[in-house]
């Protein structure tokens, strides 16, 4: 499934004014706070935002919505991003090819960040490649993903049944959401999954973020320096 289609389907379960959207905004506001706490960006810091959405609303693209120095952000996505570029005209935007090296020299940025992209890479090998590319072009990396143990599955709004894949697949098929039960579209992420991508030579931290519910929190972050 193309990323643009992923974006549109994802935001359907968090429609404007809904409880889902309010929770999404609250979660991403907390993610932004953790980004600032972990990465400590300064005014001249250069930031790469990998995998931005061309869906523009109060829940999408939290970095561009909240960061005060958008002129220092370079955003990368898979589409022409006409809506994104209109909404954030001071952000530099670059269209990239799926699963291809990033078109930047080593250490081009102070920080590379990516929200809700890693789980859609299609395989662990592609996830590892993505993290490797972010580490290549930036001095530190901050990646966030939906947490598989949050009681409500993020993309489908199905409660609890995603804890066991056979029930999740069956429910998705019944509800006409079978695409979300395929690893090529969605890989459920846990702390253990994220730890697989940390190079032995780097320092890192993995923590809960988003809607804080202890080990059932809505999101996870991976910070690598």
N, C-alpha and C. Protein backbone atom coordinates (compact mmCIF):
# COMPACT_ATOMS: atom_id res chain seq x y z
N UNK A 1 0.86 -1.20 0.00
CA UNK A 1 0.00 0.00 0.00
C UNK A 1 0.89 1.24 0.00
N UNK A 2 0.71 2.18 -0.93
CA UNK A 2 1.50 3.40 -0.93
C UNK A 2 1.34 4.17 0.38
N UNK A 3 2.39 4.94 0.75
CA UNK A 3 2.34 5.68 2.00
C UNK A 3 1.19 6.67 2.03
N UNK A 4 0.91 7.32 0.90
CA UNK A 4 -0.19 8.28 0.87
C UNK A 4 -1.51 7.61 1.23
N UNK A 5 -1.71 6.40 0.74
CA UNK A 5 -2.94 5.66 1.07
C UNK A 5 -2.94 5.29 2.54
N UNK A 6 -1.77 4.90 3.07
CA UNK A 6 -1.67 4.63 4.50
C UNK A 6 -2.11 5.84 5.31
N UNK A 7 -1.61 7.01 4.93
CA UNK A 7 -1.93 8.24 5.66
C UNK A 7 -3.44 8.48 5.66
N UNK A 8 -4.04 8.42 4.49
CA UNK A 8 -5.47 8.72 4.38
C UNK A 8 -6.29 7.74 5.19
N UNK A 9 -5.96 6.45 5.12
CA UNK A 9 -6.72 5.45 5.87
C UNK A 9 -6.52 5.61 7.37
N UNK A 10 -5.28 5.95 7.76
CA UNK A 10 -5.00 6.13 9.19
C UNK A 10 -5.83 7.26 9.78
N UNK A 11 -5.88 8.38 9.09
CA UNK A 11 -6.59 9.53 9.64
C UNK A 11 -8.11 9.41 9.54
N UNK A 12 -8.60 8.39 8.82
CA UNK A 12 -10.04 8.14 8.80
C UNK A 12 -10.55 7.73 10.17
N UNK A 13 -9.72 7.06 10.98
CA UNK A 13 -10.17 6.63 12.30
C UNK A 13 -9.96 7.73 13.35
N UNK A 14 -9.47 8.89 12.90
CA UNK A 14 -9.30 10.04 13.80
C UNK A 14 -9.86 11.27 13.09
N UNK A 15 -11.14 11.21 12.74
CA UNK A 15 -11.78 12.28 11.99
C UNK A 15 -11.84 13.59 12.76
N UNK A 16 -12.01 14.67 12.03
CA UNK A 16 -12.02 16.00 12.62
C UNK A 16 -13.06 16.10 13.74
N UNK A 17 -12.62 16.56 14.90
CA UNK A 17 -13.51 16.77 16.03
C UNK A 17 -13.85 15.52 16.82
N UNK A 18 -13.35 14.37 16.39
CA UNK A 18 -13.68 13.12 17.07
C UNK A 18 -12.80 12.93 18.30
N UNK A 19 -13.22 12.00 19.16
CA UNK A 19 -12.40 11.64 20.31
C UNK A 19 -11.06 11.09 19.84
N UNK A 20 -11.08 10.31 18.76
CA UNK A 20 -9.84 9.78 18.22
C UNK A 20 -8.86 10.87 17.83
N UNK A 21 -9.36 11.94 17.21
CA UNK A 21 -8.45 13.03 16.83
C UNK A 21 -7.92 13.75 18.07
N UNK A 22 -8.76 13.96 19.06
CA UNK A 22 -8.29 14.64 20.28
C UNK A 22 -7.21 13.83 20.97
N UNK A 23 -7.39 12.52 21.01
CA UNK A 23 -6.36 11.66 21.62
C UNK A 23 -5.09 11.67 20.78
N UNK A 24 -5.25 11.68 19.45
CA UNK A 24 -4.09 11.72 18.57
C UNK A 24 -3.29 13.00 18.78
N UNK A 25 -3.97 14.13 18.86
CA UNK A 25 -3.29 15.40 19.07
C UNK A 25 -2.57 15.40 20.41
N UNK A 26 -3.22 14.91 21.46
CA UNK A 26 -2.60 14.86 22.78
C UNK A 26 -1.36 13.97 22.76
N UNK A 27 -1.46 12.83 22.06
CA UNK A 27 -0.32 11.92 21.99
C UNK A 27 0.85 12.58 21.27
N UNK A 28 0.57 13.24 20.16
CA UNK A 28 1.67 13.81 19.37
C UNK A 28 2.24 15.07 20.01
N UNK A 29 1.44 15.78 20.78
CA UNK A 29 1.99 16.90 21.54
C UNK A 29 3.00 16.38 22.57
N UNK A 30 2.71 15.24 23.19
CA UNK A 30 3.64 14.65 24.15
C UNK A 30 4.88 14.11 23.43
N UNK A 31 4.71 13.54 22.25
CA UNK A 31 5.85 13.09 21.48
C UNK A 31 6.78 14.26 21.16
N UNK A 32 6.18 15.41 20.81
CA UNK A 32 7.00 16.59 20.52
C UNK A 32 7.78 17.02 21.77
N UNK A 33 7.14 16.98 22.94
CA UNK A 33 7.84 17.32 24.17
C UNK A 33 9.03 16.38 24.41
N UNK A 34 8.85 15.10 24.14
CA UNK A 34 9.94 14.15 24.33
C UNK A 34 11.03 14.36 23.28
N UNK A 35 10.64 14.75 22.07
CA UNK A 35 11.64 15.09 21.05
C UNK A 35 12.52 16.24 21.55
N UNK A 36 11.91 17.29 22.07
CA UNK A 36 12.70 18.42 22.57
C UNK A 36 13.57 18.02 23.76
N UNK A 37 13.02 17.21 24.65
CA UNK A 37 13.78 16.78 25.84
C UNK A 37 14.98 15.93 25.46
N UNK A 38 14.79 15.01 24.52
CA UNK A 38 15.88 14.10 24.15
C UNK A 38 16.91 14.76 23.24
N UNK A 39 16.45 15.47 22.23
CA UNK A 39 17.34 16.00 21.19
C UNK A 39 17.89 17.38 21.50
N UNK A 40 17.18 18.14 22.33
CA UNK A 40 17.61 19.49 22.72
C UNK A 40 18.02 20.33 21.51
N UNK A 41 17.12 20.52 20.56
CA UNK A 41 17.48 21.31 19.37
C UNK A 41 17.72 22.78 19.74
N UNK A 42 18.69 23.38 19.07
CA UNK A 42 18.96 24.79 19.22
C UNK A 42 18.43 25.52 17.99
N UNK A 43 18.36 26.83 18.07
CA UNK A 43 17.81 27.59 16.94
C UNK A 43 18.51 27.27 15.62
N UNK A 44 19.85 27.14 15.57
CA UNK A 44 20.49 26.84 14.28
C UNK A 44 20.50 25.36 13.91
N UNK A 45 19.95 24.49 14.75
CA UNK A 45 19.99 23.05 14.46
C UNK A 45 19.29 22.73 13.15
N UNK A 46 19.91 21.88 12.35
CA UNK A 46 19.30 21.43 11.10
C UNK A 46 18.63 20.09 11.36
N UNK A 47 17.40 19.95 10.86
CA UNK A 47 16.59 18.77 11.17
C UNK A 47 16.06 18.15 9.88
N UNK A 48 16.20 16.83 9.77
CA UNK A 48 15.59 16.07 8.70
C UNK A 48 14.35 15.38 9.26
N UNK A 49 13.19 15.62 8.65
CA UNK A 49 11.94 14.95 9.04
C UNK A 49 11.59 13.96 7.93
N UNK A 50 11.79 12.69 8.21
CA UNK A 50 11.65 11.65 7.19
C UNK A 50 10.26 11.05 7.22
N UNK A 51 9.58 11.07 6.05
CA UNK A 51 8.29 10.42 5.93
C UNK A 51 7.12 11.28 6.35
N UNK A 52 7.13 12.54 5.96
CA UNK A 52 6.02 13.43 6.34
C UNK A 52 4.76 13.03 5.59
N UNK A 53 3.63 13.43 6.15
CA UNK A 53 2.33 13.11 5.56
C UNK A 53 1.82 14.27 4.72
N UNK A 54 1.14 13.95 3.62
CA UNK A 54 0.50 15.00 2.83
C UNK A 54 -0.94 15.23 3.28
N UNK A 55 -1.33 14.57 4.36
CA UNK A 55 -2.61 14.88 5.02
C UNK A 55 -2.33 16.02 6.00
N UNK A 56 -3.01 17.13 5.84
CA UNK A 56 -2.79 18.29 6.70
C UNK A 56 -3.98 18.46 7.63
N UNK A 57 -3.74 18.24 8.91
CA UNK A 57 -4.76 18.46 9.92
C UNK A 57 -4.08 18.70 11.26
N UNK A 58 -4.85 18.81 12.32
CA UNK A 58 -4.29 19.16 13.63
C UNK A 58 -3.47 18.03 14.24
N UNK A 59 -3.59 16.82 13.69
CA UNK A 59 -2.84 15.70 14.24
C UNK A 59 -1.60 15.33 13.45
N UNK A 60 -1.54 15.74 12.19
CA UNK A 60 -0.45 15.30 11.32
C UNK A 60 0.76 16.24 11.42
N UNK A 61 1.95 15.68 11.13
CA UNK A 61 3.18 16.47 11.01
C UNK A 61 3.40 17.38 12.21
N UNK A 62 3.48 16.75 13.38
CA UNK A 62 3.55 17.55 14.61
C UNK A 62 4.82 18.40 14.67
N UNK A 63 5.92 17.95 14.08
CA UNK A 63 7.15 18.73 14.13
C UNK A 63 6.96 20.07 13.43
N UNK A 64 6.40 20.04 12.23
CA UNK A 64 6.18 21.28 11.48
C UNK A 64 5.13 22.15 12.16
N UNK A 65 4.16 21.55 12.82
CA UNK A 65 3.13 22.32 13.51
C UNK A 65 3.68 23.07 14.71
N UNK A 66 4.66 22.49 15.39
CA UNK A 66 5.06 23.02 16.69
C UNK A 66 6.47 23.62 16.73
N UNK A 67 7.36 23.20 15.85
CA UNK A 67 8.73 23.67 15.94
C UNK A 67 8.81 25.13 15.48
N UNK A 68 9.46 26.01 16.25
CA UNK A 68 9.42 27.44 15.93
C UNK A 68 10.34 27.86 14.78
N UNK A 69 11.25 26.99 14.34
CA UNK A 69 12.22 27.38 13.30
C UNK A 69 12.11 26.43 12.10
N UNK A 70 10.94 26.46 11.47
CA UNK A 70 10.67 25.53 10.36
C UNK A 70 11.61 25.73 9.18
N UNK A 71 12.21 26.89 9.06
CA UNK A 71 13.14 27.12 7.95
C UNK A 71 14.38 26.23 8.04
N UNK A 72 14.60 25.62 9.22
CA UNK A 72 15.74 24.72 9.39
C UNK A 72 15.36 23.25 9.24
N UNK A 73 14.13 22.99 8.82
CA UNK A 73 13.66 21.61 8.61
C UNK A 73 13.71 21.27 7.13
N UNK A 74 14.25 20.10 6.83
CA UNK A 74 14.14 19.50 5.50
C UNK A 74 13.24 18.28 5.64
N UNK A 75 12.13 18.27 4.92
CA UNK A 75 11.17 17.17 5.00
C UNK A 75 11.31 16.28 3.77
N UNK A 76 11.16 14.99 4.00
CA UNK A 76 11.25 14.01 2.91
C UNK A 76 9.98 13.17 2.91
N UNK A 77 9.41 12.96 1.72
CA UNK A 77 8.23 12.12 1.58
C UNK A 77 8.24 11.42 0.24
N UNK A 78 7.20 10.63 0.00
CA UNK A 78 7.13 9.84 -1.23
C UNK A 78 6.24 10.46 -2.30
N UNK A 79 5.48 11.49 -1.93
CA UNK A 79 4.55 12.10 -2.88
C UNK A 79 5.02 13.49 -3.28
N UNK A 80 4.26 14.14 -4.14
CA UNK A 80 4.57 15.53 -4.49
C UNK A 80 4.27 16.49 -3.35
N UNK A 81 3.45 16.03 -2.38
CA UNK A 81 3.20 16.76 -1.13
C UNK A 81 2.72 18.19 -1.36
N UNK A 82 1.77 18.36 -2.26
CA UNK A 82 1.28 19.70 -2.58
C UNK A 82 0.62 20.35 -1.36
N UNK A 83 -0.18 19.57 -0.64
CA UNK A 83 -0.86 20.13 0.54
C UNK A 83 0.15 20.44 1.64
N UNK A 84 1.11 19.56 1.84
CA UNK A 84 2.14 19.80 2.86
C UNK A 84 2.94 21.06 2.55
N UNK A 85 3.37 21.19 1.32
CA UNK A 85 4.19 22.35 0.96
C UNK A 85 3.42 23.65 1.04
N UNK A 86 2.13 23.59 0.75
CA UNK A 86 1.31 24.80 0.89
C UNK A 86 1.13 25.17 2.35
N UNK A 87 1.00 24.18 3.22
CA UNK A 87 0.78 24.44 4.64
C UNK A 87 2.05 24.90 5.34
N UNK A 88 3.22 24.43 4.85
CA UNK A 88 4.49 24.75 5.52
C UNK A 88 5.50 25.27 4.49
N UNK A 89 5.28 26.48 3.99
CA UNK A 89 6.10 26.99 2.87
C UNK A 89 7.56 27.23 3.22
N UNK A 90 7.90 27.37 4.49
CA UNK A 90 9.31 27.62 4.84
C UNK A 90 10.10 26.34 5.02
N UNK A 91 9.43 25.20 5.02
CA UNK A 91 10.11 23.91 5.13
C UNK A 91 10.61 23.49 3.75
N UNK A 92 11.85 23.08 3.67
CA UNK A 92 12.37 22.54 2.41
C UNK A 92 11.82 21.12 2.25
N UNK A 93 11.26 20.83 1.07
CA UNK A 93 10.67 19.51 0.85
C UNK A 93 11.37 18.81 -0.30
N UNK A 94 11.61 17.49 -0.10
CA UNK A 94 12.24 16.69 -1.13
C UNK A 94 11.47 15.39 -1.31
N UNK A 95 11.10 15.08 -2.53
CA UNK A 95 10.47 13.81 -2.84
C UNK A 95 11.55 12.76 -3.03
N UNK A 96 11.41 11.62 -2.34
CA UNK A 96 12.41 10.57 -2.40
C UNK A 96 11.81 9.30 -2.97
N UNK A 97 12.67 8.38 -3.37
CA UNK A 97 12.24 7.09 -3.87
C UNK A 97 12.13 6.10 -2.72
N UNK A 98 11.12 5.25 -2.75
CA UNK A 98 10.91 4.25 -1.71
C UNK A 98 12.11 3.31 -1.62
N UNK A 99 12.57 3.06 -0.38
CA UNK A 99 13.63 2.09 -0.10
C UNK A 99 14.93 2.40 -0.84
N UNK A 100 15.19 3.68 -1.07
CA UNK A 100 16.43 4.10 -1.72
C UNK A 100 17.27 4.93 -0.75
N UNK A 101 18.58 4.99 -0.96
CA UNK A 101 19.42 5.82 -0.09
C UNK A 101 18.95 7.28 -0.09
N UNK A 102 19.08 7.93 1.03
CA UNK A 102 18.72 9.34 1.11
C UNK A 102 19.73 10.17 0.33
N UNK A 103 19.27 11.19 -0.39
CA UNK A 103 20.16 11.96 -1.27
C UNK A 103 20.91 13.06 -0.52
N UNK A 104 21.56 12.67 0.58
CA UNK A 104 22.31 13.64 1.38
C UNK A 104 23.66 13.04 1.74
N UNK A 105 24.70 13.87 1.84
CA UNK A 105 26.00 13.37 2.31
C UNK A 105 25.93 12.96 3.78
N UNK A 106 26.94 12.25 4.22
CA UNK A 106 27.04 11.86 5.62
C UNK A 106 27.02 13.09 6.52
N UNK A 107 26.33 12.95 7.65
CA UNK A 107 26.30 14.00 8.69
C UNK A 107 25.82 15.34 8.15
N UNK A 108 24.81 15.32 7.30
CA UNK A 108 24.26 16.56 6.74
C UNK A 108 23.40 17.31 7.73
N UNK A 109 22.88 16.61 8.76
CA UNK A 109 21.92 17.21 9.68
C UNK A 109 22.36 16.99 11.13
N UNK A 110 21.91 17.89 11.97
CA UNK A 110 22.13 17.69 13.41
C UNK A 110 21.21 16.61 13.97
N UNK A 111 19.96 16.58 13.47
CA UNK A 111 18.95 15.66 13.99
C UNK A 111 18.17 15.09 12.81
N UNK A 112 17.89 13.79 12.86
CA UNK A 112 16.93 13.17 11.94
C UNK A 112 15.80 12.59 12.77
N UNK A 113 14.58 12.85 12.34
CA UNK A 113 13.42 12.35 13.07
C UNK A 113 12.43 11.73 12.11
N UNK A 114 11.62 10.82 12.64
CA UNK A 114 10.60 10.17 11.83
C UNK A 114 9.50 9.67 12.76
N UNK A 115 8.27 9.99 12.41
CA UNK A 115 7.14 9.59 13.24
C UNK A 115 6.19 8.70 12.45
N UNK A 116 5.88 7.53 13.04
CA UNK A 116 4.87 6.63 12.47
C UNK A 116 5.19 6.24 11.03
N UNK A 117 6.45 5.95 10.76
CA UNK A 117 6.89 5.50 9.43
C UNK A 117 7.53 4.12 9.51
N UNK A 118 8.34 3.87 10.53
CA UNK A 118 9.11 2.63 10.62
C UNK A 118 8.22 1.40 10.54
N UNK A 119 7.03 1.46 11.12
CA UNK A 119 6.15 0.29 11.13
C UNK A 119 5.57 -0.02 9.75
N UNK A 120 5.73 0.90 8.79
CA UNK A 120 5.17 0.70 7.45
C UNK A 120 6.25 0.34 6.42
N UNK A 121 7.45 -0.01 6.85
CA UNK A 121 8.53 -0.25 5.91
C UNK A 121 8.43 -1.60 5.20
N UNK A 122 7.64 -2.52 5.71
CA UNK A 122 7.36 -3.75 4.98
C UNK A 122 8.15 -4.97 5.39
N UNK A 123 9.33 -4.78 5.96
CA UNK A 123 10.14 -5.90 6.42
C UNK A 123 11.17 -5.37 7.41
N UNK A 124 11.71 -6.29 8.21
CA UNK A 124 12.74 -5.88 9.16
C UNK A 124 13.99 -5.40 8.44
N UNK A 125 14.31 -6.00 7.30
CA UNK A 125 15.48 -5.56 6.55
C UNK A 125 15.33 -4.11 6.09
N UNK A 126 14.13 -3.75 5.63
CA UNK A 126 13.90 -2.37 5.20
C UNK A 126 13.88 -1.42 6.38
N UNK A 127 13.39 -1.88 7.52
CA UNK A 127 13.44 -1.05 8.73
C UNK A 127 14.89 -0.76 9.11
N UNK A 128 15.71 -1.80 9.06
CA UNK A 128 17.12 -1.62 9.42
C UNK A 128 17.81 -0.66 8.44
N UNK A 129 17.45 -0.77 7.17
CA UNK A 129 18.02 0.13 6.17
C UNK A 129 17.62 1.57 6.45
N UNK A 130 16.35 1.78 6.81
CA UNK A 130 15.87 3.14 7.10
C UNK A 130 16.63 3.74 8.28
N UNK A 131 16.75 3.00 9.37
CA UNK A 131 17.47 3.52 10.53
C UNK A 131 18.93 3.78 10.17
N UNK A 132 19.53 2.89 9.40
CA UNK A 132 20.91 3.09 8.99
C UNK A 132 21.11 4.36 8.18
N UNK A 133 20.16 4.65 7.29
CA UNK A 133 20.25 5.87 6.50
C UNK A 133 20.10 7.12 7.36
N UNK A 134 19.17 7.08 8.30
CA UNK A 134 19.01 8.23 9.20
C UNK A 134 20.27 8.46 10.03
N UNK A 135 20.87 7.36 10.50
CA UNK A 135 22.11 7.49 11.27
C UNK A 135 23.27 7.97 10.40
N UNK A 136 23.24 7.63 9.14
CA UNK A 136 24.31 8.08 8.24
C UNK A 136 24.26 9.58 8.01
N UNK A 137 23.06 10.14 7.86
CA UNK A 137 22.96 11.55 7.46
C UNK A 137 22.81 12.50 8.63
N UNK A 138 22.65 11.98 9.86
CA UNK A 138 22.43 12.87 11.01
C UNK A 138 23.25 12.42 12.21
N UNK A 139 23.53 13.36 13.08
CA UNK A 139 24.34 13.08 14.26
C UNK A 139 23.54 12.40 15.37
N UNK A 140 22.24 12.62 15.39
CA UNK A 140 21.37 11.91 16.32
C UNK A 140 20.03 11.65 15.64
N UNK A 141 19.36 10.59 16.10
CA UNK A 141 18.12 10.13 15.47
C UNK A 141 17.05 9.96 16.53
N UNK A 142 15.85 10.45 16.22
CA UNK A 142 14.69 10.30 17.12
C UNK A 142 13.54 9.75 16.30
N UNK A 143 13.17 8.50 16.56
CA UNK A 143 12.13 7.81 15.80
C UNK A 143 11.02 7.40 16.75
N UNK A 144 9.78 7.59 16.34
CA UNK A 144 8.65 7.16 17.15
C UNK A 144 7.74 6.25 16.35
N UNK A 145 7.10 5.33 17.07
CA UNK A 145 6.20 4.35 16.44
C UNK A 145 5.01 4.12 17.36
N UNK A 146 3.88 3.68 16.80
CA UNK A 146 2.79 3.21 17.65
C UNK A 146 3.25 1.99 18.45
N UNK A 147 2.80 1.87 19.68
CA UNK A 147 3.17 0.76 20.55
C UNK A 147 2.15 -0.36 20.41
N UNK A 148 2.61 -1.55 20.13
CA UNK A 148 1.69 -2.66 19.86
C UNK A 148 0.85 -3.03 21.07
N UNK A 149 1.29 -2.67 22.28
CA UNK A 149 0.55 -3.06 23.48
C UNK A 149 -0.41 -2.00 24.00
N UNK A 150 -0.55 -0.90 23.26
CA UNK A 150 -1.62 0.05 23.58
C UNK A 150 -2.95 -0.67 23.36
N UNK A 151 -3.93 -0.50 24.25
CA UNK A 151 -5.15 -1.32 24.16
C UNK A 151 -5.96 -1.16 22.88
N UNK A 152 -5.82 -0.05 22.17
CA UNK A 152 -6.55 0.16 20.92
C UNK A 152 -5.54 0.23 19.78
N UNK A 153 -5.71 -0.63 18.78
CA UNK A 153 -4.78 -0.63 17.65
C UNK A 153 -4.95 0.67 16.86
N UNK A 154 -3.85 1.34 16.58
CA UNK A 154 -3.87 2.71 16.07
C UNK A 154 -4.54 2.84 14.70
N UNK A 155 -4.29 1.93 13.81
CA UNK A 155 -4.69 2.11 12.41
C UNK A 155 -6.12 1.68 12.13
N UNK A 156 -6.65 0.82 12.99
CA UNK A 156 -7.99 0.27 12.76
C UNK A 156 -8.99 0.65 13.83
N UNK A 157 -8.50 1.14 14.97
CA UNK A 157 -9.32 1.43 16.15
C UNK A 157 -9.97 0.15 16.73
N UNK A 158 -9.40 -1.00 16.43
CA UNK A 158 -9.88 -2.27 17.00
C UNK A 158 -9.26 -2.45 18.39
N UNK A 159 -10.08 -2.61 19.43
CA UNK A 159 -9.53 -2.77 20.77
C UNK A 159 -9.14 -4.21 21.10
N UNK A 160 -7.99 -4.36 21.72
CA UNK A 160 -7.54 -5.60 22.38
C UNK A 160 -7.24 -6.77 21.45
N UNK A 161 -7.99 -6.94 20.39
CA UNK A 161 -7.86 -8.15 19.58
C UNK A 161 -6.52 -8.23 18.85
N UNK A 162 -5.81 -7.10 18.73
CA UNK A 162 -4.51 -7.13 18.07
C UNK A 162 -3.42 -7.76 18.93
N UNK A 163 -3.75 -8.09 20.19
CA UNK A 163 -2.77 -8.75 21.04
C UNK A 163 -2.48 -10.18 20.56
N UNK A 164 -3.37 -10.73 19.77
CA UNK A 164 -3.18 -12.07 19.21
C UNK A 164 -3.47 -12.00 17.72
N UNK A 165 -2.47 -12.23 16.90
CA UNK A 165 -2.60 -11.98 15.47
C UNK A 165 -3.73 -12.74 14.78
N UNK A 166 -4.00 -14.01 15.10
CA UNK A 166 -5.12 -14.68 14.42
C UNK A 166 -6.45 -13.96 14.62
N UNK A 167 -6.72 -13.45 15.84
CA UNK A 167 -7.98 -12.74 16.06
C UNK A 167 -7.97 -11.40 15.35
N UNK A 168 -6.81 -10.76 15.29
CA UNK A 168 -6.71 -9.47 14.61
C UNK A 168 -6.95 -9.65 13.11
N UNK A 169 -6.33 -10.66 12.52
CA UNK A 169 -6.53 -10.91 11.09
C UNK A 169 -7.99 -11.19 10.77
N UNK A 170 -8.63 -12.03 11.59
CA UNK A 170 -10.03 -12.36 11.37
C UNK A 170 -10.91 -11.13 11.48
N UNK A 171 -10.69 -10.32 12.51
CA UNK A 171 -11.49 -9.12 12.71
C UNK A 171 -11.29 -8.12 11.57
N UNK A 172 -10.05 -7.97 11.13
CA UNK A 172 -9.78 -7.08 10.00
C UNK A 172 -10.51 -7.55 8.74
N UNK A 173 -10.53 -8.86 8.52
CA UNK A 173 -11.21 -9.39 7.35
C UNK A 173 -12.71 -9.12 7.43
N UNK A 174 -13.29 -9.30 8.62
CA UNK A 174 -14.72 -9.06 8.80
C UNK A 174 -15.07 -7.59 8.59
N UNK A 175 -14.19 -6.70 9.04
CA UNK A 175 -14.45 -5.26 8.97
C UNK A 175 -13.97 -4.62 7.67
N UNK A 176 -13.45 -5.42 6.77
CA UNK A 176 -12.97 -4.86 5.51
C UNK A 176 -11.67 -4.09 5.65
N UNK A 177 -10.83 -4.47 6.61
CA UNK A 177 -9.57 -3.77 6.85
C UNK A 177 -8.38 -4.72 6.75
N UNK A 178 -8.49 -5.70 5.86
CA UNK A 178 -7.49 -6.77 5.80
C UNK A 178 -6.09 -6.26 5.48
N UNK A 179 -5.97 -5.09 4.83
CA UNK A 179 -4.64 -4.59 4.48
C UNK A 179 -3.77 -4.36 5.71
N UNK A 180 -4.41 -4.04 6.85
CA UNK A 180 -3.65 -3.75 8.06
C UNK A 180 -3.15 -5.02 8.75
N UNK A 181 -3.61 -6.18 8.33
CA UNK A 181 -3.13 -7.44 8.89
C UNK A 181 -1.96 -8.01 8.11
N UNK A 182 -1.48 -7.28 7.09
CA UNK A 182 -0.37 -7.74 6.27
C UNK A 182 0.91 -7.02 6.69
N UNK A 183 1.98 -7.79 6.90
CA UNK A 183 3.24 -7.21 7.34
C UNK A 183 3.77 -6.18 6.36
N UNK A 184 3.46 -6.34 5.08
CA UNK A 184 3.94 -5.37 4.09
C UNK A 184 3.37 -3.98 4.32
N UNK A 185 2.26 -3.88 5.05
CA UNK A 185 1.64 -2.59 5.35
C UNK A 185 1.83 -2.16 6.80
N UNK A 186 1.95 -3.12 7.71
CA UNK A 186 2.02 -2.77 9.13
C UNK A 186 2.77 -3.85 9.89
N UNK A 187 3.85 -3.45 10.57
CA UNK A 187 4.59 -4.32 11.47
C UNK A 187 4.38 -3.79 12.89
N UNK A 188 3.79 -4.59 13.75
CA UNK A 188 3.58 -4.15 15.13
C UNK A 188 4.93 -3.97 15.82
N UNK A 189 5.06 -2.87 16.57
CA UNK A 189 6.34 -2.49 17.16
C UNK A 189 6.30 -2.54 18.68
N UNK A 190 7.39 -3.07 19.26
CA UNK A 190 7.55 -3.13 20.71
C UNK A 190 8.95 -2.62 21.06
N UNK A 191 9.23 -2.52 22.34
CA UNK A 191 10.58 -2.13 22.77
C UNK A 191 11.61 -3.11 22.23
N UNK A 192 11.26 -4.39 22.24
CA UNK A 192 12.18 -5.41 21.75
C UNK A 192 12.48 -5.19 20.27
N UNK A 193 11.46 -4.89 19.47
CA UNK A 193 11.68 -4.61 18.05
C UNK A 193 12.65 -3.45 17.86
N UNK A 194 12.40 -2.36 18.57
CA UNK A 194 13.23 -1.17 18.39
C UNK A 194 14.68 -1.42 18.78
N UNK A 195 14.88 -2.23 19.80
CA UNK A 195 16.24 -2.49 20.27
C UNK A 195 17.09 -3.20 19.22
N UNK A 196 16.44 -3.87 18.28
CA UNK A 196 17.17 -4.59 17.23
C UNK A 196 17.92 -3.64 16.30
N UNK A 197 17.51 -2.37 16.26
CA UNK A 197 18.07 -1.43 15.28
C UNK A 197 19.16 -0.53 15.86
N UNK A 198 19.56 -0.78 17.09
CA UNK A 198 20.57 0.08 17.73
C UNK A 198 21.96 -0.49 17.45
N UNK A 199 22.83 0.25 16.76
CA UNK A 199 24.19 -0.23 16.53
C UNK A 199 24.95 -0.35 17.86
N UNK A 200 25.81 -1.36 17.93
CA UNK A 200 26.56 -1.60 19.17
C UNK A 200 27.46 -0.42 19.52
N UNK A 201 27.83 0.38 18.53
CA UNK A 201 28.77 1.49 18.75
C UNK A 201 28.07 2.78 19.17
N UNK A 202 26.74 2.77 19.25
CA UNK A 202 25.98 3.99 19.55
C UNK A 202 25.31 3.90 20.92
N UNK A 203 25.09 5.06 21.52
CA UNK A 203 24.28 5.15 22.73
C UNK A 203 22.83 5.35 22.33
N UNK A 204 21.92 4.82 23.14
CA UNK A 204 20.51 4.93 22.77
C UNK A 204 19.64 4.87 24.01
N UNK A 205 18.40 5.31 23.84
CA UNK A 205 17.37 5.15 24.86
C UNK A 205 16.06 4.84 24.15
N UNK A 206 15.26 3.97 24.76
CA UNK A 206 13.94 3.62 24.26
C UNK A 206 12.95 3.90 25.40
N UNK A 207 11.88 4.61 25.09
CA UNK A 207 10.94 4.97 26.15
C UNK A 207 9.52 5.06 25.66
N UNK A 208 8.62 5.16 26.62
CA UNK A 208 7.20 5.33 26.32
C UNK A 208 6.91 6.80 26.07
N UNK A 209 6.03 7.08 25.15
CA UNK A 209 5.63 8.45 24.86
C UNK A 209 4.18 8.45 24.40
N UNK A 210 3.70 9.58 23.92
CA UNK A 210 2.30 9.67 23.52
C UNK A 210 1.39 9.70 24.72
N UNK A 211 0.31 8.95 24.69
CA UNK A 211 -0.61 8.84 25.83
C UNK A 211 0.03 7.90 26.84
N UNK A 212 0.45 8.43 27.97
CA UNK A 212 1.23 7.66 28.93
C UNK A 212 0.32 6.76 29.76
N UNK A 213 0.53 5.44 29.60
CA UNK A 213 -0.19 4.43 30.40
C UNK A 213 0.80 3.37 30.86
N UNK A 214 2.00 3.80 31.28
CA UNK A 214 3.01 2.84 31.68
C UNK A 214 3.34 1.91 30.53
N UNK A 215 3.41 0.59 30.77
CA UNK A 215 3.76 -0.36 29.72
C UNK A 215 2.69 -0.49 28.63
N UNK A 216 1.54 0.18 28.80
CA UNK A 216 0.49 0.17 27.78
C UNK A 216 0.39 1.51 27.07
N UNK A 217 1.44 2.33 27.18
CA UNK A 217 1.44 3.65 26.54
C UNK A 217 1.24 3.55 25.03
N UNK A 218 0.76 4.65 24.45
CA UNK A 218 0.33 4.58 23.04
C UNK A 218 1.48 4.53 22.06
N UNK A 219 2.65 5.07 22.42
CA UNK A 219 3.76 5.16 21.48
C UNK A 219 5.08 4.85 22.16
N UNK A 220 6.08 4.55 21.34
CA UNK A 220 7.45 4.35 21.78
C UNK A 220 8.35 5.30 21.03
N UNK A 221 9.44 5.71 21.69
CA UNK A 221 10.47 6.46 20.97
C UNK A 221 11.81 5.72 21.06
N UNK A 222 12.61 5.90 20.03
CA UNK A 222 13.98 5.42 19.99
C UNK A 222 14.87 6.61 19.72
N UNK A 223 15.77 6.90 20.64
CA UNK A 223 16.70 8.02 20.49
C UNK A 223 18.12 7.46 20.43
N UNK A 224 18.82 7.71 19.34
CA UNK A 224 20.17 7.21 19.14
C UNK A 224 21.12 8.40 18.95
N UNK A 225 22.20 8.38 19.69
CA UNK A 225 23.22 9.44 19.57
C UNK A 225 24.56 8.84 19.22
